[in-house]
Amino acid sequence: MIKMVITDFDGTLVKDGSRMLPAELVDTIDGLLDRGVRFVAASSRSQISTERLFEPIKERIYYATCNGTLMGSCDRLLFAESLDRTLLEEI
């Protein structure tokens, strides 16, 4: 039984830089969610940009954004990783 689908979407499910999901993709993801499968949108995009793209279903899915440094859902941050300040100053 599939419990979770995690996928990149820019260049995978949609054209790079897309601002809207195709209706059939929204329907497919909705179908997964209705069957109890969790869906995680993974991207180098920001959380805000990703939520805009997934607007019709944004409250039902999870996100791994900013190259995996932020993970969560529309209303909850589950994980955040940032650069150490000393390392950042060195760079």
PDB file of N, CA and C in Angstrom:
ATOM      1  N   MET A   1       0.833  -1.181   0.000  1.00  0.00           N
ATOM      2  CA  MET A   1       0.000   0.000   0.000  1.00  0.00           C
ATOM      3  C   MET A   1       0.884   1.254   0.000  1.00  0.00           C
ATOM      4  N   ILE A   2       0.602   2.174  -0.878  1.00  0.00           N
ATOM      5  CA  ILE A   2       1.334   3.434  -0.953  1.00  0.00           C
ATOM      6  C   ILE A   2       0.762   4.373   0.106  1.00  0.00           C
ATOM      7  N   LYS A   3       1.656   4.925   0.937  1.00  0.00           N
ATOM      8  CA  LYS A   3       1.212   5.820   2.006  1.00  0.00           C
ATOM      9  C   LYS A   3       1.583   7.273   1.749  1.00  0.00           C
ATOM     10  N   MET A   4       2.627   7.481   0.922  1.00  0.00           N
ATOM     11  CA  MET A   4       3.078   8.844   0.672  1.00  0.00           C
ATOM     12  C   MET A   4       3.729   8.928  -0.703  1.00  0.00           C
ATOM     13  N   VAL A   5       3.498  10.046  -1.377  1.00  0.00           N
ATOM     14  CA  VAL A   5       4.168  10.352  -2.640  1.00  0.00           C
ATOM     15  C   VAL A   5       4.915  11.661  -2.425  1.00  0.00           C
ATOM     16  N   ILE A   6       6.216  11.624  -2.679  1.00  0.00           N
ATOM     17  CA  ILE A   6       7.058  12.823  -2.584  1.00  0.00           C
ATOM     18  C   ILE A   6       7.645  13.044  -3.965  1.00  0.00           C
ATOM     19  N   THR A   7       7.438  14.237  -4.514  1.00  0.00           N
ATOM     20  CA  THR A   7       7.947  14.493  -5.859  1.00  0.00           C
ATOM     21  C   THR A   7       8.333  15.953  -6.053  1.00  0.00           C
ATOM     22  N   ASP A   8       9.375  16.136  -6.827  1.00  0.00           N
ATOM     23  CA  ASP A   8       9.705  17.451  -7.346  1.00  0.00           C
ATOM     24  C   ASP A   8       8.623  17.781  -8.368  1.00  0.00           C
ATOM     25  N   PHE A   9       8.401  19.045  -8.643  1.00  0.00           N
ATOM     26  CA  PHE A   9       7.385  19.361  -9.650  1.00  0.00           C
ATOM     27  C   PHE A   9       7.903  20.237 -10.770  1.00  0.00           C
ATOM     28  N   ASP A  10       8.828  21.146 -10.534  1.00  0.00           N
ATOM     29  CA  ASP A  10       9.363  21.979 -11.611  1.00  0.00           C
ATOM     30  C   ASP A  10      10.193  21.124 -12.555  1.00  0.00           C
ATOM     31  N   GLY A  11       9.753  21.031 -13.789  1.00  0.00           N
ATOM     32  CA  GLY A  11      10.438  20.216 -14.770  1.00  0.00           C
ATOM     33  C   GLY A  11      10.094  18.739 -14.672  1.00  0.00           C
ATOM     34  N   THR A  12       9.283  18.381 -13.699  1.00  0.00           N
ATOM     35  CA  THR A  12       8.869  16.983 -13.518  1.00  0.00           C
ATOM     36  C   THR A  12       7.377  16.852 -13.774  1.00  0.00           C
ATOM     37  N   LEU A  13       6.563  17.503 -12.957  1.00  0.00           N
ATOM     38  CA  LEU A  13       5.105  17.473 -13.119  1.00  0.00           C
ATOM     39  C   LEU A  13       4.586  18.657 -13.926  1.00  0.00           C
ATOM     40  N   VAL A  14       5.303  19.753 -13.880  1.00  0.00           N
ATOM     41  CA  VAL A  14       4.925  20.966 -14.627  1.00  0.00           C
ATOM     42  C   VAL A  14       6.176  21.577 -15.248  1.00  0.00           C
ATOM     43  N   LYS A  15       5.981  22.460 -16.216  1.00  0.00           N
ATOM     44  CA  LYS A  15       7.115  23.158 -16.827  1.00  0.00           C
ATOM     45  C   LYS A  15       7.776  24.051 -15.777  1.00  0.00           C
ATOM     46  N   ASP A  16       9.094  24.192 -15.880  1.00  0.00           N
ATOM     47  CA  ASP A  16       9.822  25.064 -14.961  1.00  0.00           C
ATOM     48  C   ASP A  16       9.186  26.449 -14.917  1.00  0.00           C
ATOM     49  N   GLY A  17       9.012  26.966 -13.712  1.00  0.00           N
ATOM     50  CA  GLY A  17       8.482  28.311 -13.543  1.00  0.00           C
ATOM     51  C   GLY A  17       6.979  28.441 -13.695  1.00  0.00           C
ATOM     52  N   SER A  18       6.263  27.324 -13.828  1.00  0.00           N
ATOM     53  CA  SER A  18       4.803  27.387 -13.986  1.00  0.00           C
ATOM     54  C   SER A  18       4.160  28.117 -12.809  1.00  0.00           C
ATOM     55  N   ARG A  19       3.067  28.797 -13.115  1.00  0.00           N
ATOM     56  CA  ARG A  19       2.336  29.519 -12.073  1.00  0.00           C
ATOM     57  C   ARG A  19       0.991  28.876 -11.751  1.00  0.00           C
ATOM     58  N   MET A  20       0.622  27.864 -12.540  1.00  0.00           N
ATOM     59  CA  MET A  20      -0.635  27.146 -12.304  1.00  0.00           C
ATOM     60  C   MET A  20      -0.431  25.663 -12.552  1.00  0.00           C
ATOM     61  N   LEU A  21      -1.110  24.853 -11.749  1.00  0.00           N
ATOM     62  CA  LEU A  21      -1.099  23.410 -11.982  1.00  0.00           C
ATOM     63  C   LEU A  21      -2.167  23.062 -13.003  1.00  0.00           C
ATOM     64  N   PRO A  22      -1.899  22.123 -13.881  1.00  0.00           N
ATOM     65  CA  PRO A  22      -2.953  21.653 -14.784  1.00  0.00           C
ATOM     66  C   PRO A  22      -4.087  21.022 -13.958  1.00  0.00           C
ATOM     67  N   ALA A  23      -5.327  21.240 -14.383  1.00  0.00           N
ATOM     68  CA  ALA A  23      -6.499  20.732 -13.664  1.00  0.00           C
ATOM     69  C   ALA A  23      -6.423  19.220 -13.469  1.00  0.00           C
ATOM     70  N   GLU A  24      -5.928  18.498 -14.478  1.00  0.00           N
ATOM     71  CA  GLU A  24      -5.856  17.045 -14.352  1.00  0.00           C
ATOM     72  C   GLU A  24      -4.867  16.603 -13.276  1.00  0.00           C
ATOM     73  N   LEU A  25      -3.805  17.395 -13.057  1.00  0.00           N
ATOM     74  CA  LEU A  25      -2.851  17.087 -11.994  1.00  0.00           C
ATOM     75  C   LEU A  25      -3.493  17.315 -10.624  1.00  0.00           C
ATOM     76  N   VAL A  26      -4.239  18.393 -10.495  1.00  0.00           N
ATOM     77  CA  VAL A  26      -4.964  18.658  -9.240  1.00  0.00           C
ATOM     78  C   VAL A  26      -5.923  17.507  -8.959  1.00  0.00           C
ATOM     79  N   ASP A  27      -6.637  17.052  -9.988  1.00  0.00           N
ATOM     80  CA  ASP A  27      -7.566  15.929  -9.828  1.00  0.00           C
ATOM     81  C   ASP A  27      -6.839  14.657  -9.394  1.00  0.00           C
ATOM     82  N   THR A  28      -5.673  14.407  -9.975  1.00  0.00           N
ATOM     83  CA  THR A  28      -4.892  13.218  -9.628  1.00  0.00           C
ATOM     84  C   THR A  28      -4.434  13.276  -8.177  1.00  0.00           C
ATOM     85  N   ILE A  29      -3.915  14.425  -7.765  1.00  0.00           N
ATOM     86  CA  ILE A  29      -3.456  14.580  -6.382  1.00  0.00           C
ATOM     87  C   ILE A  29      -4.642  14.473  -5.425  1.00  0.00           C
ATOM     88  N   ASP A  30      -5.762  15.100  -5.772  1.00  0.00           N
ATOM     89  CA  ASP A  30      -6.984  14.973  -4.966  1.00  0.00           C
ATOM     90  C   ASP A  30      -7.378  13.512  -4.784  1.00  0.00           C
ATOM     91  N   GLY A  31      -7.285  12.745  -5.855  1.00  0.00           N
ATOM     92  CA  GLY A  31      -7.617  11.325  -5.783  1.00  0.00           C
ATOM     93  C   GLY A  31      -6.712  10.572  -4.815  1.00  0.00           C
ATOM     94  N   LEU A  32      -5.426  10.892  -4.854  1.00  0.00           N
ATOM     95  CA  LEU A  32      -4.489  10.282  -3.904  1.00  0.00           C
ATOM     96  C   LEU A  32      -4.865  10.647  -2.470  1.00  0.00           C
ATOM     97  N   LEU A  33      -5.109  11.931  -2.249  1.00  0.00           N
ATOM     98  CA  LEU A  33      -5.453  12.404  -0.909  1.00  0.00           C
ATOM     99  C   LEU A  33      -6.737  11.749  -0.403  1.00  0.00           C
ATOM    100  N   ASP A  34      -7.712  11.612  -1.273  1.00  0.00           N
ATOM    101  CA  ASP A  34      -8.977  10.982  -0.888  1.00  0.00           C
ATOM    102  C   ASP A  34      -8.800   9.512  -0.507  1.00  0.00           C
ATOM    103  N   ARG A  35      -7.726   8.885  -1.016  1.00  0.00           N
ATOM    104  CA  ARG A  35      -7.431   7.489  -0.685  1.00  0.00           C
ATOM    105  C   ARG A  35      -6.516   7.370   0.529  1.00  0.00           C
ATOM    106  N   GLY A  36      -6.202   8.503   1.158  1.00  0.00           N
ATOM    107  CA  GLY A  36      -5.359   8.485   2.354  1.00  0.00           C
ATOM    108  C   GLY A  36      -3.875   8.538   2.082  1.00  0.00           C
ATOM    109  N   VAL A  37      -3.489   8.811   0.836  1.00  0.00           N
ATOM    110  CA  VAL A  37      -2.074   8.923   0.481  1.00  0.00           C
ATOM    111  C   VAL A  37      -1.637  10.362   0.731  1.00  0.00           C
ATOM    112  N   ARG A  38      -0.588  10.537   1.498  1.00  0.00           N
ATOM    113  CA  ARG A  38      -0.051  11.888   1.726  1.00  0.00           C
ATOM    114  C   ARG A  38       0.750  12.308   0.494  1.00  0.00           C
ATOM    115  N   PHE A  39       0.680  13.607   0.171  1.00  0.00           N
ATOM    116  CA  PHE A  39       1.397  14.138  -0.993  1.00  0.00           C
ATOM    117  C   PHE A  39       2.335  15.229  -0.511  1.00  0.00           C
ATOM    118  N   VAL A  40       3.611  15.120  -0.906  1.00  0.00           N
ATOM    119  CA  VAL A  40       4.624  16.111  -0.543  1.00  0.00           C
ATOM    120  C   VAL A  40       5.184  16.723  -1.820  1.00  0.00           C
ATOM    121  N   ALA A  41       5.043  18.038  -1.950  1.00  0.00           N
ATOM    122  CA  ALA A  41       5.616  18.778  -3.076  1.00  0.00           C
ATOM    123  C   ALA A  41       7.017  19.227  -2.678  1.00  0.00           C
ATOM    124  N   ALA A  42       8.022  18.768  -3.413  1.00  0.00           N
ATOM    125  CA  ALA A  42       9.415  19.091  -3.116  1.00  0.00           C
ATOM    126  C   ALA A  42       9.946  20.063  -4.159  1.00  0.00           C
ATOM    127  N   SER A  43      10.644  21.098  -3.689  1.00  0.00           N
ATOM    128  CA  SER A  43      11.118  22.110  -4.628  1.00  0.00           C
ATOM    129  C   SER A  43      12.218  22.970  -4.032  1.00  0.00           C
ATOM    130  N   SER A  44      12.952  23.614  -4.918  1.00  0.00           N
ATOM    131  CA  SER A  44      13.885  24.644  -4.476  1.00  0.00           C
ATOM    132  C   SER A  44      13.147  25.967  -4.305  1.00  0.00           C
ATOM    133  N   ARG A  45      11.899  26.022  -4.743  1.00  0.00           N
ATOM    134  CA  ARG A  45      11.087  27.234  -4.586  1.00  0.00           C
ATOM    135  C   ARG A  45      10.866  27.548  -3.108  1.00  0.00           C
ATOM    136  N   SER A  46      10.432  28.775  -2.859  1.00  0.00           N
ATOM    137  CA  SER A  46      10.065  29.164  -1.506  1.00  0.00           C
ATOM    138  C   SER A  46       8.718  28.539  -1.134  1.00  0.00           C
ATOM    139  N   GLN A  47       8.436  28.516   0.149  1.00  0.00           N
ATOM    140  CA  GLN A  47       7.150  28.001   0.627  1.00  0.00           C
ATOM    141  C   GLN A  47       5.998  28.798   0.026  1.00  0.00           C
ATOM    142  N   ILE A  48       6.126  30.116  -0.023  1.00  0.00           N
ATOM    143  CA  ILE A  48       5.053  30.976  -0.542  1.00  0.00           C
ATOM    144  C   ILE A  48       4.789  30.682  -2.013  1.00  0.00           C
ATOM    145  N   SER A  49       5.842  30.574  -2.806  1.00  0.00           N
ATOM    146  CA  SER A  49       5.681  30.281  -4.234  1.00  0.00           C
ATOM    147  C   SER A  49       5.034  28.910  -4.443  1.00  0.00           C
ATOM    148  N   THR A  50       5.444  27.948  -3.645  1.00  0.00           N
ATOM    149  CA  THR A  50       4.885  26.600  -3.761  1.00  0.00           C
ATOM    150  C   THR A  50       3.405  26.597  -3.378  1.00  0.00           C
ATOM    151  N   GLU A  51       3.066  27.286  -2.285  1.00  0.00           N
ATOM    152  CA  GLU A  51       1.657  27.359  -1.875  1.00  0.00           C
ATOM    153  C   GLU A  51       0.808  28.036  -2.947  1.00  0.00           C
ATOM    154  N   ARG A  52       1.334  29.057  -3.579  1.00  0.00           N
ATOM    155  CA  ARG A  52       0.582  29.723  -4.663  1.00  0.00           C
ATOM    156  C   ARG A  52       0.295  28.747  -5.795  1.00  0.00           C
ATOM    157  N   LEU A  53       1.311  27.960  -6.158  1.00  0.00           N
ATOM    158  CA  LEU A  53       1.135  27.003  -7.252  1.00  0.00           C
ATOM    159  C   LEU A  53       0.096  25.945  -6.892  1.00  0.00           C
ATOM    160  N   PHE A  54       0.125  25.473  -5.666  1.00  0.00           N
ATOM    161  CA  PHE A  54      -0.779  24.413  -5.224  1.00  0.00           C
ATOM    162  C   PHE A  54      -2.025  24.970  -4.533  1.00  0.00           C
ATOM    163  N   GLU A  55      -2.389  26.194  -4.831  1.00  0.00           N
ATOM    164  CA  GLU A  55      -3.515  26.892  -4.187  1.00  0.00           C
ATOM    165  C   GLU A  55      -4.781  26.040  -4.019  1.00  0.00           C
ATOM    166  N   PRO A  56      -5.247  25.348  -5.064  1.00  0.00           N
ATOM    167  CA  PRO A  56      -6.501  24.602  -4.912  1.00  0.00           C
ATOM    168  C   PRO A  56      -6.454  23.507  -3.838  1.00  0.00           C
ATOM    169  N   ILE A  57      -5.248  23.009  -3.537  1.00  0.00           N
ATOM    170  CA  ILE A  57      -5.130  21.907  -2.581  1.00  0.00           C
ATOM    171  C   ILE A  57      -4.088  22.185  -1.506  1.00  0.00           C
ATOM    172  N   LYS A  58      -3.650  23.428  -1.376  1.00  0.00           N
ATOM    173  CA  LYS A  58      -2.524  23.767  -0.507  1.00  0.00           C
ATOM    174  C   LYS A  58      -2.725  23.358   0.949  1.00  0.00           C
ATOM    175  N   GLU A  59      -3.942  23.321   1.409  1.00  0.00           N
ATOM    176  CA  GLU A  59      -4.194  22.978   2.809  1.00  0.00           C
ATOM    177  C   GLU A  59      -4.253  21.469   3.048  1.00  0.00           C
ATOM    178  N   ARG A  60      -4.156  20.693   1.979  1.00  0.00           N
ATOM    179  CA  ARG A  60      -4.249  19.238   2.111  1.00  0.00           C
ATOM    180  C   ARG A  60      -2.912  18.521   1.907  1.00  0.00           C
ATOM    181  N   ILE A  61      -1.872  19.263   1.495  1.00  0.00           N
ATOM    182  CA  ILE A  61      -0.604  18.612   1.165  1.00  0.00           C
ATOM    183  C   ILE A  61       0.517  19.096   2.082  1.00  0.00           C
ATOM    184  N   TYR A  62       1.665  18.466   1.941  1.00  0.00           N
ATOM    185  CA  TYR A  62       2.873  18.847   2.673  1.00  0.00           C
ATOM    186  C   TYR A  62       3.876  19.420   1.680  1.00  0.00           C
ATOM    187  N   TYR A  63       4.862  20.141   2.214  1.00  0.00           N
ATOM    188  CA  TYR A  63       5.878  20.782   1.391  1.00  0.00           C
ATOM    189  C   TYR A  63       7.273  20.473   1.905  1.00  0.00           C
ATOM    190  N   ALA A  64       8.213  20.337   0.985  1.00  0.00           N
ATOM    191  CA  ALA A  64       9.647  20.319   1.265  1.00  0.00           C
ATOM    192  C   ALA A  64      10.216  21.377   0.332  1.00  0.00           C
ATOM    193  N   THR A  65      10.398  22.588   0.850  1.00  0.00           N
ATOM    194  CA  THR A  65      10.765  23.721   0.011  1.00  0.00           C
ATOM    195  C   THR A  65      12.157  24.246   0.364  1.00  0.00           C
ATOM    196  N   CYS A  66      12.574  25.231  -0.397  1.00  0.00           N
ATOM    197  CA  CYS A  66      13.900  25.845  -0.216  1.00  0.00           C
ATOM    198  C   CYS A  66      14.989  24.771  -0.184  1.00  0.00           C
ATOM    199  N   ASN A  67      14.920  23.863  -1.170  1.00  0.00           N
ATOM    200  CA  ASN A  67      15.869  22.742  -1.276  1.00  0.00           C
ATOM    201  C   ASN A  67      15.879  21.869  -0.033  1.00  0.00           C
ATOM    202  N   GLY A  68      14.726  21.700   0.585  1.00  0.00           N
ATOM    203  CA  GLY A  68      14.598  20.814   1.740  1.00  0.00           C
ATOM    204  C   GLY A  68      14.903  21.449   3.076  1.00  0.00           C
ATOM    205  N   THR A  69      15.196  22.748   3.091  1.00  0.00           N
ATOM    206  CA  THR A  69      15.508  23.391   4.369  1.00  0.00           C
ATOM    207  C   THR A  69      14.256  23.758   5.160  1.00  0.00           C
ATOM    208  N   LEU A  70      13.095  23.757   4.500  1.00  0.00           N
ATOM    209  CA  LEU A  70      11.815  23.975   5.190  1.00  0.00           C
ATOM    210  C   LEU A  70      10.883  22.833   4.830  1.00  0.00           C
ATOM    211  N   MET A  71      10.265  22.249   5.846  1.00  0.00           N
ATOM    212  CA  MET A  71       9.306  21.180   5.604  1.00  0.00           C
ATOM    213  C   MET A  71       8.105  21.395   6.510  1.00  0.00           C
ATOM    214  N   GLY A  72       6.924  21.184   5.936  1.00  0.00           N
ATOM    215  CA  GLY A  72       5.720  21.355   6.728  1.00  0.00           C
ATOM    216  C   GLY A  72       4.484  21.323   5.868  1.00  0.00           C
ATOM    217  N   SER A  73       3.439  21.922   6.409  1.00  0.00           N
ATOM    218  CA  SER A  73       2.177  22.020   5.693  1.00  0.00           C
ATOM    219  C   SER A  73       1.760  23.480   5.688  1.00  0.00           C
ATOM    220  N   CYS A  74       0.619  23.751   5.133  1.00  0.00           N
ATOM    221  CA  CYS A  74       0.154  25.120   4.992  1.00  0.00           C
ATOM    222  C   CYS A  74       0.099  25.856   6.335  1.00  0.00           C
ATOM    223  N   ASP A  75      -0.246  25.151   7.385  1.00  0.00           N
ATOM    224  CA  ASP A  75      -0.429  25.798   8.677  1.00  0.00           C
ATOM    225  C   ASP A  75       0.588  25.398   9.734  1.00  0.00           C
ATOM    226  N   ARG A  76       1.604  24.607   9.348  1.00  0.00           N
ATOM    227  CA  ARG A  76       2.514  24.093  10.367  1.00  0.00           C
ATOM    228  C   ARG A  76       3.911  23.851   9.814  1.00  0.00           C
ATOM    229  N   LEU A  77       4.910  24.390  10.487  1.00  0.00           N
ATOM    230  CA  LEU A  77       6.307  24.147  10.140  1.00  0.00           C
ATOM    231  C   LEU A  77       6.776  22.916  10.910  1.00  0.00           C
ATOM    232  N   LEU A  78       7.258  21.913  10.202  1.00  0.00           N
ATOM    233  CA  LEU A  78       7.711  20.679  10.837  1.00  0.00           C
ATOM    234  C   LEU A  78       9.225  20.616  10.988  1.00  0.00           C
ATOM    235  N   PHE A  79       9.959  21.302  10.095  1.00  0.00           N
ATOM    236  CA  PHE A  79      11.417  21.247  10.112  1.00  0.00           C
ATOM    237  C   PHE A  79      11.969  22.493   9.435  1.00  0.00           C
ATOM    238  N   ALA A  80      12.990  23.066  10.013  1.00  0.00           N
ATOM    239  CA  ALA A  80      13.694  24.199   9.393  1.00  0.00           C
ATOM    240  C   ALA A  80      15.180  24.055   9.684  1.00  0.00           C
ATOM    241  N   GLU A  81      15.984  24.239   8.698  1.00  0.00           N
ATOM    242  CA  GLU A  81      17.435  24.162   8.843  1.00  0.00           C
ATOM    243  C   GLU A  81      18.030  25.416   8.217  1.00  0.00           C
ATOM    244  N   SER A  82      18.891  26.063   8.943  1.00  0.00           N
ATOM    245  CA  SER A  82      19.523  27.265   8.403  1.00  0.00           C
ATOM    246  C   SER A  82      21.034  27.153   8.551  1.00  0.00           C
ATOM    247  N   LEU A  83      21.728  27.996   7.829  1.00  0.00           N
ATOM    248  CA  LEU A  83      23.185  28.006   7.913  1.00  0.00           C
ATOM    249  C   LEU A  83      23.632  28.578   9.248  1.00  0.00           C
ATOM    250  N   ASP A  84      24.693  28.010   9.766  1.00  0.00           N
ATOM    251  CA  ASP A  84      25.314  28.536  10.963  1.00  0.00           C
ATOM    252  C   ASP A  84      25.840  29.938  10.666  1.00  0.00           C
ATOM    253  N   ARG A  85      25.594  30.869  11.564  1.00  0.00           N
ATOM    254  CA  ARG A  85      25.969  32.270  11.337  1.00  0.00           C
ATOM    255  C   ARG A  85      27.469  32.419  11.049  1.00  0.00           C
ATOM    256  N   THR A  86      28.317  31.689  11.766  1.00  0.00           N
ATOM    257  CA  THR A  86      29.763  31.763  11.553  1.00  0.00           C
ATOM    258  C   THR A  86      30.111  31.313  10.129  1.00  0.00           C
ATOM    259  N   LEU A  87      29.527  30.212   9.695  1.00  0.00           N
ATOM    260  CA  LEU A  87      29.754  29.727   8.339  1.00  0.00           C
ATOM    261  C   LEU A  87      29.263  30.734   7.313  1.00  0.00           C
ATOM    262  N   LEU A  88      28.110  31.284   7.546  1.00  0.00           N
ATOM    263  CA  LEU A  88      27.555  32.289   6.634  1.00  0.00           C
ATOM    264  C   LEU A  88      28.492  33.484   6.511  1.00  0.00           C
ATOM    265  N   GLU A  89      29.043  33.939   7.614  1.00  0.00           N
ATOM    266  CA  GLU A  89      29.990  35.078   7.586  1.00  0.00           C
ATOM    267  C   GLU A  89      31.264  34.716   6.835  1.00  0.00           C
ATOM    268  N   GLU A  90      31.719  33.458   6.961  1.00  0.00           N
ATOM    269  CA  GLU A  90      32.906  33.010   6.239  1.00  0.00           C
ATOM    270  C   GLU A  90      32.665  33.008   4.738  1.00  0.00           C
ATOM    271  N   ILE A  91      31.492  32.565   4.355  1.00  0.00           N
ATOM    272  CA  ILE A  91      31.150  32.490   2.936  1.00  0.00           C
ATOM    273  C   ILE A  91      31.076  33.876   2.357  1.00  0.00           C
TER     274      ILE A  91
END
